Amino acid sequence: MDAIVKTFPNAEKEEKATEKRARPSREEAEAAVRTLLLWAGDDPDREGLIETPQRVVKAYREMFAGYDMDPQEVLARTFEEVAGYEDMVLVKDISFHSHCEHHMVPIIGKAHVAYLPDKRVLGLSKIARVVDIFAQRLQTQEAMTAQIADAINEALMPRGIAVMIEAEHMCMAMRGIRKQGSTTITTTFTGSYRDDPTEQARFISMVRNGNAA
């Protein structure tokens, strides 16, 4: 008997959605910028804008470089010679610039990342690099907070991770309600930081005051 194969209407769409889309050529990207300049009401052929499409495309490759980087490659190397150290490792005030995925305008902020080691630690610069990798993509602050924690957890499997992000969103400052200076704070806690309020309080105290509660 021939096998019966069921076809689900959305299966093909879901499969295609998981495939990485081909990146347009540089020329296509520059043409898109030129179209936006025209749509905004300016003349892309005037002196000050002639090279703007090239500049914008070059800037986008830099600002969105995170799409070409794998956080697990950055976090691949860990260290076991820690002399029995098991207390909090905190890297705070990691400045970053990202872009809102809804309006593609800047998000400017700082991240604070801590973990409780389980026999292994990361190079401190790796934590900052992981923040940059996720920041250099179109983002929501909530997603970025969780992504940082998930990446570190996958690479290190520590006893707990705490991530706090404080940022100003230009989509609120430059458009819409236009409230300059307002800050959004998001947090993610795993393991001991999630289960032990004392560890949460200690992390927050270290971020705010520089010392344990």
N, C-alpha and C. Protein backbone atom coordinates (compact mmCIF):
# COMPACT_ATOMS: atom_id res chain seq x y z
N MET A 1 0.85 -1.19 0.00
CA MET A 1 0.00 0.00 0.00
C MET A 1 0.88 1.23 0.00
N ASP A 2 0.50 2.15 -0.85
CA ASP A 2 1.27 3.38 -0.91
C ASP A 2 1.06 4.19 0.37
N ALA A 3 2.12 4.82 0.81
CA ALA A 3 2.02 5.66 2.00
C ALA A 3 1.16 6.87 1.70
N ILE A 4 0.37 7.25 2.68
CA ILE A 4 -0.49 8.42 2.53
C ILE A 4 0.26 9.63 3.08
N VAL A 5 0.43 10.62 2.27
CA VAL A 5 1.15 11.83 2.68
C VAL A 5 0.14 12.94 2.86
N LYS A 6 0.07 13.48 4.04
CA LYS A 6 -0.84 14.59 4.31
C LYS A 6 -0.15 15.91 3.99
N THR A 7 -0.84 16.77 3.34
CA THR A 7 -0.29 18.09 2.99
C THR A 7 -0.98 19.15 3.84
N PHE A 8 -0.19 19.91 4.53
CA PHE A 8 -0.73 20.98 5.36
C PHE A 8 -0.53 22.30 4.63
N PRO A 9 -1.56 23.11 4.51
CA PRO A 9 -1.50 24.34 3.72
C PRO A 9 -0.35 25.27 4.09
N ASN A 10 -0.03 25.33 5.39
CA ASN A 10 0.98 26.30 5.82
C ASN A 10 2.38 25.71 5.89
N ALA A 11 2.50 24.41 5.61
CA ALA A 11 3.81 23.77 5.77
C ALA A 11 4.84 24.36 4.84
N GLU A 12 4.45 24.55 3.58
CA GLU A 12 5.40 25.10 2.61
C GLU A 12 5.80 26.51 2.96
N LYS A 13 4.83 27.30 3.42
CA LYS A 13 5.14 28.67 3.82
C LYS A 13 6.10 28.70 5.00
N GLU A 14 5.87 27.82 5.98
CA GLU A 14 6.74 27.78 7.15
C GLU A 14 8.15 27.36 6.77
N GLU A 15 8.25 26.39 5.84
CA GLU A 15 9.57 25.94 5.40
C GLU A 15 10.32 27.06 4.72
N LYS A 16 9.63 27.79 3.86
CA LYS A 16 10.27 28.90 3.16
C LYS A 16 10.66 30.00 4.12
N ALA A 17 9.84 30.20 5.16
CA ALA A 17 10.13 31.27 6.11
C ALA A 17 11.40 31.00 6.88
N THR A 18 11.74 29.69 7.05
CA THR A 18 12.94 29.36 7.80
C THR A 18 14.20 29.48 6.95
N GLU A 19 14.06 29.51 5.64
CA GLU A 19 15.21 29.67 4.77
C GLU A 19 15.73 31.10 4.84
N LYS A 20 17.03 31.23 4.80
CA LYS A 20 17.63 32.56 4.82
C LYS A 20 17.42 33.24 3.49
N ARG A 21 16.85 34.43 3.54
CA ARG A 21 16.58 35.16 2.31
C ARG A 21 17.89 35.65 1.70
N ALA A 22 17.92 35.65 0.38
CA ALA A 22 19.11 36.13 -0.33
C ALA A 22 19.24 37.64 -0.10
N ARG A 23 20.45 38.09 0.16
CA ARG A 23 20.68 39.52 0.38
C ARG A 23 20.71 40.23 -0.97
N PRO A 24 19.97 41.33 -1.10
CA PRO A 24 20.00 42.10 -2.36
C PRO A 24 21.41 42.61 -2.65
N SER A 25 21.65 42.95 -3.89
CA SER A 25 22.96 43.48 -4.26
C SER A 25 23.12 44.88 -3.68
N ARG A 26 24.37 45.34 -3.65
CA ARG A 26 24.65 46.69 -3.18
C ARG A 26 23.92 47.71 -4.06
N GLU A 27 23.89 47.46 -5.36
CA GLU A 27 23.22 48.39 -6.28
C GLU A 27 21.73 48.47 -5.97
N GLU A 28 21.11 47.33 -5.66
CA GLU A 28 19.68 47.33 -5.32
C GLU A 28 19.43 48.09 -4.03
N ALA A 29 20.32 47.92 -3.05
CA ALA A 29 20.17 48.63 -1.78
C ALA A 29 20.31 50.14 -1.98
N GLU A 30 21.27 50.54 -2.79
CA GLU A 30 21.46 51.97 -3.05
C GLU A 30 20.25 52.55 -3.80
N ALA A 31 19.67 51.77 -4.71
CA ALA A 31 18.48 52.24 -5.42
C ALA A 31 17.32 52.42 -4.45
N ALA A 32 17.22 51.54 -3.44
CA ALA A 32 16.16 51.67 -2.44
C ALA A 32 16.32 52.95 -1.62
N VAL A 33 17.56 53.29 -1.27
CA VAL A 33 17.81 54.53 -0.53
C VAL A 33 17.43 55.73 -1.38
N ARG A 34 17.77 55.68 -2.64
CA ARG A 34 17.43 56.77 -3.56
C ARG A 34 15.90 56.95 -3.62
N THR A 35 15.19 55.84 -3.66
CA THR A 35 13.72 55.91 -3.67
C THR A 35 13.19 56.57 -2.39
N LEU A 36 13.77 56.23 -1.26
CA LEU A 36 13.35 56.83 0.00
C LEU A 36 13.62 58.34 0.02
N LEU A 37 14.75 58.75 -0.53
CA LEU A 37 15.05 60.18 -0.61
C LEU A 37 14.00 60.91 -1.45
N LEU A 38 13.62 60.30 -2.55
CA LEU A 38 12.57 60.89 -3.39
C LEU A 38 11.25 60.93 -2.64
N TRP A 39 10.93 59.84 -1.95
CA TRP A 39 9.67 59.77 -1.20
C TRP A 39 9.61 60.82 -0.09
N ALA A 40 10.78 61.08 0.51
CA ALA A 40 10.84 62.09 1.58
C ALA A 40 10.63 63.50 1.04
N GLY A 41 10.79 63.67 -0.26
CA GLY A 41 10.55 64.97 -0.88
C GLY A 41 11.79 65.71 -1.30
N ASP A 42 12.95 65.04 -1.25
CA ASP A 42 14.20 65.71 -1.62
C ASP A 42 14.67 65.24 -2.99
N ASP A 43 15.73 65.85 -3.45
CA ASP A 43 16.29 65.55 -4.77
C ASP A 43 17.59 64.78 -4.61
N PRO A 44 17.59 63.47 -4.89
CA PRO A 44 18.81 62.68 -4.70
C PRO A 44 19.94 63.05 -5.64
N ASP A 45 19.66 63.91 -6.62
CA ASP A 45 20.70 64.34 -7.55
C ASP A 45 21.37 65.65 -7.15
N ARG A 46 20.89 66.26 -6.05
CA ARG A 46 21.57 67.49 -5.64
C ARG A 46 22.91 67.15 -4.98
N GLU A 47 23.79 68.13 -4.92
CA GLU A 47 25.18 67.88 -4.53
C GLU A 47 25.30 67.16 -3.19
N GLY A 48 24.55 67.59 -2.21
CA GLY A 48 24.69 67.00 -0.88
C GLY A 48 24.19 65.58 -0.76
N LEU A 49 23.37 65.12 -1.72
CA LEU A 49 22.78 63.79 -1.62
C LEU A 49 23.28 62.80 -2.67
N ILE A 50 24.13 63.25 -3.58
CA ILE A 50 24.57 62.37 -4.67
C ILE A 50 25.18 61.07 -4.14
N GLU A 51 26.00 61.18 -3.11
CA GLU A 51 26.67 59.98 -2.58
C GLU A 51 25.98 59.40 -1.35
N THR A 52 24.82 59.96 -0.99
CA THR A 52 24.12 59.48 0.20
C THR A 52 23.71 58.01 0.10
N PRO A 53 23.18 57.51 -1.02
CA PRO A 53 22.84 56.09 -1.07
C PRO A 53 24.03 55.18 -0.77
N GLN A 54 25.20 55.52 -1.32
CA GLN A 54 26.39 54.70 -1.03
C GLN A 54 26.76 54.77 0.43
N ARG A 55 26.67 55.96 1.00
CA ARG A 55 27.04 56.12 2.42
C ARG A 55 26.07 55.36 3.32
N VAL A 56 24.78 55.43 3.01
CA VAL A 56 23.79 54.75 3.84
C VAL A 56 23.98 53.24 3.79
N VAL A 57 24.22 52.70 2.61
CA VAL A 57 24.42 51.27 2.48
C VAL A 57 25.66 50.82 3.25
N LYS A 58 26.73 51.60 3.15
CA LYS A 58 27.95 51.28 3.90
C LYS A 58 27.69 51.34 5.40
N ALA A 59 26.94 52.35 5.84
CA ALA A 59 26.62 52.48 7.26
C ALA A 59 25.75 51.32 7.74
N TYR A 60 24.80 50.88 6.91
CA TYR A 60 23.93 49.77 7.29
C TYR A 60 24.72 48.49 7.48
N ARG A 61 25.70 48.23 6.62
CA ARG A 61 26.51 47.02 6.78
C ARG A 61 27.25 47.04 8.12
N GLU A 62 27.64 48.23 8.56
CA GLU A 62 28.32 48.35 9.85
C GLU A 62 27.33 48.25 11.01
N MET A 63 26.22 48.98 10.92
CA MET A 63 25.27 49.03 12.03
C MET A 63 24.52 47.72 12.22
N PHE A 64 24.40 46.92 11.14
CA PHE A 64 23.69 45.65 11.23
C PHE A 64 24.62 44.46 11.02
N ALA A 65 25.86 44.63 11.43
CA ALA A 65 26.86 43.57 11.28
C ALA A 65 26.53 42.34 12.11
N GLY A 66 25.66 42.47 13.09
CA GLY A 66 25.31 41.34 13.94
C GLY A 66 24.68 40.19 13.21
N TYR A 67 24.06 40.46 12.05
CA TYR A 67 23.46 39.37 11.28
C TYR A 67 24.51 38.43 10.70
N ASP A 68 25.74 38.89 10.57
CA ASP A 68 26.81 38.08 10.00
C ASP A 68 27.69 37.44 11.07
N MET A 69 27.29 37.56 12.35
CA MET A 69 28.10 37.01 13.44
C MET A 69 27.29 36.01 14.25
N ASP A 70 27.96 34.97 14.70
CA ASP A 70 27.35 33.91 15.51
C ASP A 70 27.81 34.07 16.95
N PRO A 71 26.89 34.35 17.88
CA PRO A 71 27.31 34.53 19.28
C PRO A 71 27.98 33.29 19.87
N GLN A 72 27.60 32.10 19.39
CA GLN A 72 28.20 30.89 19.94
C GLN A 72 29.66 30.74 19.52
N GLU A 73 30.03 31.28 18.37
CA GLU A 73 31.44 31.28 17.99
C GLU A 73 32.23 32.20 18.90
N VAL A 74 31.65 33.34 19.24
CA VAL A 74 32.32 34.28 20.15
C VAL A 74 32.48 33.67 21.54
N LEU A 75 31.47 32.91 21.98
CA LEU A 75 31.46 32.37 23.34
C LEU A 75 32.06 30.96 23.43
N ALA A 76 32.62 30.48 22.33
CA ALA A 76 33.06 29.08 22.28
C ALA A 76 34.17 28.77 23.29
N ARG A 77 35.04 29.74 23.53
CA ARG A 77 36.17 29.47 24.43
C ARG A 77 35.83 29.89 25.85
N THR A 78 35.93 28.95 26.78
CA THR A 78 35.72 29.24 28.19
C THR A 78 36.96 28.80 28.97
N PHE A 79 37.03 29.21 30.24
CA PHE A 79 38.20 28.94 31.06
C PHE A 79 37.79 28.20 32.33
N GLU A 80 38.55 27.14 32.66
CA GLU A 80 38.25 26.34 33.84
C GLU A 80 39.18 26.65 35.01
N GLU A 81 40.31 27.27 34.74
CA GLU A 81 41.25 27.58 35.83
C GLU A 81 40.82 28.86 36.52
N VAL A 82 39.89 28.71 37.47
CA VAL A 82 39.31 29.88 38.15
C VAL A 82 39.60 29.87 39.64
N ALA A 83 40.48 28.97 40.08
CA ALA A 83 40.89 28.90 41.50
C ALA A 83 39.70 28.76 42.44
N GLY A 84 38.68 28.03 41.98
CA GLY A 84 37.53 27.79 42.83
C GLY A 84 36.55 28.95 42.93
N TYR A 85 36.71 29.98 42.09
CA TYR A 85 35.82 31.14 42.17
C TYR A 85 34.40 30.75 41.76
N GLU A 86 33.41 31.10 42.59
CA GLU A 86 32.02 30.73 42.33
C GLU A 86 31.06 31.90 42.49
N ASP A 87 31.57 33.08 42.79
CA ASP A 87 30.68 34.22 43.06
C ASP A 87 30.33 34.93 41.75
N MET A 88 29.54 35.98 41.89
CA MET A 88 29.04 36.72 40.74
C MET A 88 30.15 37.29 39.88
N VAL A 89 29.97 37.17 38.56
CA VAL A 89 30.78 37.90 37.59
C VAL A 89 29.84 38.90 36.91
N LEU A 90 30.14 40.17 37.06
CA LEU A 90 29.25 41.21 36.55
C LEU A 90 30.04 42.15 35.63
N VAL A 91 29.54 42.34 34.43
CA VAL A 91 30.05 43.37 33.53
C VAL A 91 28.91 44.35 33.33
N LYS A 92 29.09 45.57 33.81
CA LYS A 92 28.00 46.53 33.74
C LYS A 92 28.36 47.74 32.88
N ASP A 93 27.34 48.52 32.58
CA ASP A 93 27.50 49.74 31.78
C ASP A 93 28.12 49.45 30.41
N ILE A 94 27.65 48.38 29.76
CA ILE A 94 28.08 48.07 28.40
C ILE A 94 27.24 48.91 27.44
N SER A 95 27.82 49.95 26.89
CA SER A 95 27.05 50.84 26.02
C SER A 95 26.79 50.16 24.67
N PHE A 96 25.63 50.47 24.08
CA PHE A 96 25.30 49.89 22.78
C PHE A 96 24.37 50.83 22.02
N HIS A 97 24.35 50.63 20.72
CA HIS A 97 23.39 51.30 19.83
C HIS A 97 22.70 50.22 19.03
N SER A 98 21.39 50.23 19.01
CA SER A 98 20.64 49.28 18.22
C SER A 98 19.60 50.04 17.41
N HIS A 99 18.70 49.30 16.74
CA HIS A 99 17.65 49.93 15.95
C HIS A 99 16.32 49.21 16.19
N CYS A 100 15.30 49.97 16.41
CA CYS A 100 13.97 49.43 16.63
C CYS A 100 13.47 48.73 15.37
N GLU A 101 12.97 47.51 15.51
CA GLU A 101 12.51 46.77 14.34
C GLU A 101 11.18 47.30 13.80
N HIS A 102 10.51 48.15 14.56
CA HIS A 102 9.23 48.68 14.11
C HIS A 102 9.38 49.93 13.26
N HIS A 103 10.36 50.79 13.60
CA HIS A 103 10.52 52.05 12.87
C HIS A 103 11.93 52.25 12.32
N MET A 104 12.85 51.33 12.66
CA MET A 104 14.24 51.39 12.20
C MET A 104 14.92 52.69 12.61
N VAL A 105 14.61 53.16 13.81
CA VAL A 105 15.30 54.32 14.38
C VAL A 105 16.09 53.84 15.60
N PRO A 106 17.06 54.63 16.07
CA PRO A 106 17.99 54.13 17.08
C PRO A 106 17.38 53.81 18.44
N ILE A 107 17.99 52.83 19.07
CA ILE A 107 17.83 52.54 20.50
C ILE A 107 19.21 52.73 21.10
N ILE A 108 19.31 53.59 22.09
CA ILE A 108 20.62 53.90 22.69
C ILE A 108 20.57 53.54 24.16
N GLY A 109 21.49 52.71 24.61
CA GLY A 109 21.41 52.30 26.00
C GLY A 109 22.66 51.63 26.52
N LYS A 110 22.48 50.95 27.63
CA LYS A 110 23.57 50.20 28.25
C LYS A 110 23.01 48.91 28.83
N ALA A 111 23.87 47.89 28.82
CA ALA A 111 23.48 46.58 29.33
C ALA A 111 24.34 46.22 30.54
N HIS A 112 23.73 45.48 31.45
CA HIS A 112 24.43 44.95 32.63
C HIS A 112 24.21 43.44 32.62
N VAL A 113 25.29 42.68 32.60
CA VAL A 113 25.19 41.23 32.47
C VAL A 113 26.00 40.58 33.58
N ALA A 114 25.36 39.64 34.30
CA ALA A 114 26.04 38.91 35.37
C ALA A 114 25.72 37.43 35.26
N TYR A 115 26.65 36.61 35.79
CA TYR A 115 26.36 35.18 35.89
C TYR A 115 27.08 34.61 37.11
N LEU A 116 26.59 33.47 37.57
CA LEU A 116 27.20 32.73 38.68
C LEU A 116 27.89 31.51 38.08
N PRO A 117 29.21 31.46 38.09
CA PRO A 117 29.95 30.39 37.39
C PRO A 117 29.68 29.00 37.97
N ASP A 118 29.76 28.02 37.11
CA ASP A 118 29.74 26.63 37.52
C ASP A 118 31.00 25.98 36.96
N LYS A 119 32.13 26.29 37.58
CA LYS A 119 33.46 25.76 37.25
C LYS A 119 34.10 26.40 36.01
N ARG A 120 33.33 27.12 35.20
CA ARG A 120 33.89 27.74 34.00
C ARG A 120 33.49 29.20 33.94
N VAL A 121 34.37 30.02 33.32
CA VAL A 121 34.07 31.44 33.14
C VAL A 121 34.36 31.83 31.69
N LEU A 122 33.83 32.98 31.32
CA LEU A 122 34.06 33.56 29.99
C LEU A 122 35.07 34.69 30.08
N GLY A 123 35.77 34.94 28.98
CA GLY A 123 36.56 36.17 28.90
C GLY A 123 35.61 37.36 28.99
N LEU A 124 35.96 38.37 29.76
CA LEU A 124 35.04 39.48 30.00
C LEU A 124 34.65 40.21 28.72
N SER A 125 35.59 40.33 27.78
CA SER A 125 35.28 41.03 26.55
C SER A 125 34.24 40.29 25.72
N LYS A 126 34.12 38.96 25.92
CA LYS A 126 33.15 38.18 25.15
C LYS A 126 31.72 38.60 25.49
N ILE A 127 31.49 38.97 26.73
CA ILE A 127 30.15 39.38 27.13
C ILE A 127 29.76 40.65 26.41
N ALA A 128 30.68 41.61 26.36
CA ALA A 128 30.41 42.85 25.65
C ALA A 128 30.20 42.60 24.16
N ARG A 129 30.95 41.67 23.60
CA ARG A 129 30.81 41.36 22.17
C ARG A 129 29.45 40.74 21.88
N VAL A 130 28.96 39.90 22.78
CA VAL A 130 27.64 39.29 22.58
C VAL A 130 26.55 40.36 22.62
N VAL A 131 26.69 41.32 23.53
CA VAL A 131 25.73 42.43 23.56
C VAL A 131 25.74 43.14 22.21
N ASP A 132 26.91 43.41 21.67
CA ASP A 132 27.01 44.10 20.38
C ASP A 132 26.40 43.28 19.24
N ILE A 133 26.62 41.97 19.25
CA ILE A 133 26.08 41.13 18.18
C ILE A 133 24.57 41.27 18.10
N PHE A 134 23.90 41.19 19.24
CA PHE A 134 22.44 41.28 19.23
C PHE A 134 21.97 42.72 19.03
N ALA A 135 22.76 43.69 19.50
CA ALA A 135 22.39 45.09 19.30
C ALA A 135 22.47 45.47 17.83
N GLN A 136 23.40 44.86 17.11
CA GLN A 136 23.60 45.21 15.70
C GLN A 136 22.66 44.42 14.79
N ARG A 137 21.43 44.33 15.22
CA ARG A 137 20.34 43.73 14.45
C ARG A 137 19.09 44.58 14.73
N LEU A 138 18.08 44.43 13.89
CA LEU A 138 16.81 45.07 14.22
C LEU A 138 16.25 44.38 15.45
N GLN A 139 15.79 45.18 16.43
CA GLN A 139 15.50 44.59 17.72
C GLN A 139 14.26 45.18 18.38
N THR A 140 13.74 44.42 19.34
CA THR A 140 12.95 44.97 20.43
C THR A 140 13.82 44.80 21.67
N GLN A 141 13.68 45.68 22.62
CA GLN A 141 14.52 45.59 23.81
C GLN A 141 14.24 44.31 24.59
N GLU A 142 12.97 43.91 24.63
CA GLU A 142 12.61 42.69 25.36
C GLU A 142 13.30 41.47 24.76
N ALA A 143 13.27 41.38 23.41
CA ALA A 143 13.90 40.23 22.75
C ALA A 143 15.40 40.23 22.97
N MET A 144 16.03 41.39 22.85
CA MET A 144 17.48 41.48 23.00
C MET A 144 17.91 41.04 24.40
N THR A 145 17.15 41.42 25.40
CA THR A 145 17.46 41.03 26.79
C THR A 145 17.47 39.51 26.93
N ALA A 146 16.45 38.86 26.38
CA ALA A 146 16.36 37.41 26.47
C ALA A 146 17.43 36.73 25.63
N GLN A 147 17.73 37.28 24.46
CA GLN A 147 18.73 36.67 23.56
C GLN A 147 20.11 36.62 24.19
N ILE A 148 20.48 37.70 24.88
CA ILE A 148 21.79 37.73 25.55
C ILE A 148 21.88 36.63 26.59
N ALA A 149 20.84 36.51 27.41
CA ALA A 149 20.82 35.48 28.46
C ALA A 149 20.85 34.08 27.85
N ASP A 150 20.07 33.85 26.81
CA ASP A 150 20.01 32.53 26.19
C ASP A 150 21.36 32.13 25.59
N ALA A 151 22.04 33.09 24.94
CA ALA A 151 23.33 32.78 24.32
C ALA A 151 24.37 32.40 25.37
N ILE A 152 24.43 33.15 26.45
CA ILE A 152 25.40 32.86 27.50
C ILE A 152 25.07 31.54 28.18
N ASN A 153 23.79 31.29 28.41
CA ASN A 153 23.38 30.04 29.04
C ASN A 153 23.76 28.84 28.18
N GLU A 154 23.56 28.94 26.88
CA GLU A 154 23.88 27.84 25.98
C GLU A 154 25.37 27.54 25.96
N ALA A 155 26.19 28.57 26.02
CA ALA A 155 27.63 28.39 25.93
C ALA A 155 28.26 27.97 27.24
N LEU A 156 27.75 28.48 28.37
CA LEU A 156 28.44 28.35 29.64
C LEU A 156 27.71 27.46 30.64
N MET A 157 26.39 27.38 30.56
CA MET A 157 25.57 26.65 31.52
C MET A 157 25.93 27.03 32.97
N PRO A 158 25.88 28.31 33.31
CA PRO A 158 26.20 28.73 34.67
C PRO A 158 25.04 28.43 35.63
N ARG A 159 25.24 28.73 36.91
CA ARG A 159 24.18 28.50 37.89
C ARG A 159 23.07 29.55 37.79
N GLY A 160 23.35 30.64 37.14
CA GLY A 160 22.33 31.67 36.96
C GLY A 160 22.86 32.81 36.13
N ILE A 161 21.95 33.48 35.43
CA ILE A 161 22.29 34.63 34.59
C ILE A 161 21.32 35.75 34.90
N ALA A 162 21.84 36.97 34.96
CA ALA A 162 21.01 38.16 35.13
C ALA A 162 21.39 39.17 34.05
N VAL A 163 20.39 39.68 33.36
CA VAL A 163 20.61 40.69 32.33
C VAL A 163 19.64 41.84 32.55
N MET A 164 20.18 43.05 32.58
CA MET A 164 19.36 44.25 32.66
C MET A 164 19.77 45.19 31.54
N ILE A 165 18.79 45.71 30.83
CA ILE A 165 19.06 46.69 29.78
C ILE A 165 18.27 47.96 30.07
N GLU A 166 18.96 49.09 30.00
CA GLU A 166 18.33 50.41 30.14
C GLU A 166 18.57 51.16 28.85
N ALA A 167 17.51 51.65 28.22
CA ALA A 167 17.69 52.27 26.91
C ALA A 167 16.65 53.34 26.64
N GLU A 168 17.04 54.29 25.80
CA GLU A 168 16.11 55.30 25.29
C GLU A 168 15.80 54.95 23.84
N HIS A 169 14.52 54.99 23.52
CA HIS A 169 14.06 54.62 22.18
C HIS A 169 13.71 55.88 21.40
N MET A 170 14.43 56.07 20.28
CA MET A 170 14.17 57.25 19.47
C MET A 170 12.79 57.22 18.80
N CYS A 171 12.17 56.03 18.72
CA CYS A 171 10.82 55.99 18.17
C CYS A 171 9.83 56.67 19.11
N MET A 172 10.22 56.83 20.39
CA MET A 172 9.39 57.60 21.33
C MET A 172 9.85 59.05 21.40
N ALA A 173 11.15 59.28 21.18
CA ALA A 173 11.69 60.64 21.33
C ALA A 173 11.53 61.48 20.07
N MET A 174 11.62 60.85 18.89
CA MET A 174 11.65 61.59 17.63
C MET A 174 10.30 61.63 16.92
N ARG A 175 9.40 60.73 17.27
CA ARG A 175 8.12 60.64 16.57
C ARG A 175 7.04 60.26 17.60
N GLY A 176 5.82 60.09 17.13
CA GLY A 176 4.76 59.65 18.03
C GLY A 176 4.56 60.61 19.19
N ILE A 177 4.70 60.13 20.42
CA ILE A 177 4.45 60.98 21.59
C ILE A 177 5.60 61.94 21.87
N ARG A 178 6.77 61.71 21.26
CA ARG A 178 7.93 62.62 21.36
C ARG A 178 8.28 62.97 22.81
N LYS A 179 8.56 61.95 23.58
CA LYS A 179 8.96 62.13 24.97
C LYS A 179 10.45 61.86 25.10
N GLN A 180 11.25 62.94 25.07
CA GLN A 180 12.70 62.80 25.18
C GLN A 180 13.10 62.43 26.61
N GLY A 181 14.11 61.60 26.71
CA GLY A 181 14.70 61.30 28.01
C GLY A 181 14.05 60.16 28.76
N SER A 182 12.96 59.61 28.28
CA SER A 182 12.33 58.48 28.97
C SER A 182 13.16 57.22 28.74
N THR A 183 13.28 56.40 29.78
CA THR A 183 14.11 55.20 29.73
C THR A 183 13.27 53.95 29.94
N THR A 184 13.55 52.94 29.15
CA THR A 184 12.90 51.64 29.30
C THR A 184 13.88 50.66 29.93
N ILE A 185 13.43 49.93 30.95
CA ILE A 185 14.28 48.96 31.64
C ILE A 185 13.66 47.57 31.47
N THR A 186 14.47 46.61 31.03
CA THR A 186 14.05 45.23 30.92
C THR A 186 15.05 44.33 31.64
N THR A 187 14.56 43.22 32.17
CA THR A 187 15.43 42.28 32.89
C THR A 187 15.08 40.85 32.51
N THR A 188 16.08 40.00 32.59
CA THR A 188 15.89 38.55 32.47
C THR A 188 16.74 37.88 33.54
N PHE A 189 16.12 36.93 34.27
CA PHE A 189 16.83 36.19 35.30
C PHE A 189 16.66 34.69 35.05
N THR A 190 17.74 33.93 35.17
CA THR A 190 17.66 32.48 35.05
C THR A 190 18.33 31.85 36.27
N GLY A 191 18.03 30.57 36.50
CA GLY A 191 18.69 29.82 37.56
C GLY A 191 18.55 30.47 38.93
N SER A 192 19.69 30.62 39.63
CA SER A 192 19.67 31.17 40.98
C SER A 192 19.15 32.60 41.02
N TYR A 193 19.40 33.37 39.97
CA TYR A 193 18.89 34.74 39.95
C TYR A 193 17.37 34.77 39.85
N ARG A 194 16.80 33.77 39.19
CA ARG A 194 15.35 33.71 39.06
C ARG A 194 14.72 33.17 40.35
N ASP A 195 15.38 32.19 40.98
CA ASP A 195 14.77 31.48 42.10
C ASP A 195 15.08 32.09 43.46
N ASP A 196 16.13 32.89 43.55
CA ASP A 196 16.55 33.43 44.85
C ASP A 196 16.45 34.95 44.84
N PRO A 197 15.45 35.52 45.52
CA PRO A 197 15.30 36.98 45.54
C PRO A 197 16.53 37.70 46.08
N THR A 198 17.29 37.03 46.95
CA THR A 198 18.50 37.66 47.50
C THR A 198 19.53 37.89 46.40
N GLU A 199 19.67 36.91 45.51
CA GLU A 199 20.63 37.07 44.41
C GLU A 199 20.17 38.16 43.45
N GLN A 200 18.87 38.23 43.19
CA GLN A 200 18.34 39.32 42.35
C GLN A 200 18.67 40.67 42.96
N ALA A 201 18.40 40.80 44.26
CA ALA A 201 18.62 42.07 44.95
C ALA A 201 20.10 42.44 44.93
N ARG A 202 20.97 41.44 45.08
CA ARG A 202 22.41 41.69 45.08
C ARG A 202 22.86 42.18 43.71
N PHE A 203 22.35 41.56 42.65
CA PHE A 203 22.67 42.00 41.29
C PHE A 203 22.24 43.44 41.07
N ILE A 204 21.02 43.76 41.42
CA ILE A 204 20.51 45.11 41.22
C ILE A 204 21.30 46.13 42.03
N SER A 205 21.66 45.76 43.27
CA SER A 205 22.45 46.65 44.12
C SER A 205 23.83 46.90 43.51
N MET A 206 24.44 45.84 42.97
CA MET A 206 25.76 45.99 42.34
C MET A 206 25.68 46.87 41.11
N VAL A 207 24.61 46.75 40.35
CA VAL A 207 24.44 47.59 39.17
C VAL A 207 24.23 49.03 39.57
N ARG A 208 23.38 49.25 40.57
CA ARG A 208 23.02 50.62 40.95
C ARG A 208 24.06 51.33 41.80
N ASN A 209 24.61 50.57 42.75
CA ASN A 209 25.47 51.21 43.75
C ASN A 209 26.92 50.77 43.70
N GLY A 210 27.20 49.71 42.97
CA GLY A 210 28.57 49.22 42.89
C GLY A 210 28.97 48.34 44.04
N ASN A 211 28.03 47.99 44.92
CA ASN A 211 28.36 47.09 46.00
C ASN A 211 27.18 46.18 46.30
N ALA A 212 27.46 45.08 46.98
CA ALA A 212 26.42 44.10 47.28
C ALA A 212 25.48 44.64 48.34
N ALA A 213 24.24 44.15 48.29
CA ALA A 213 23.23 44.59 49.26
C ALA A 213 23.56 44.06 50.64
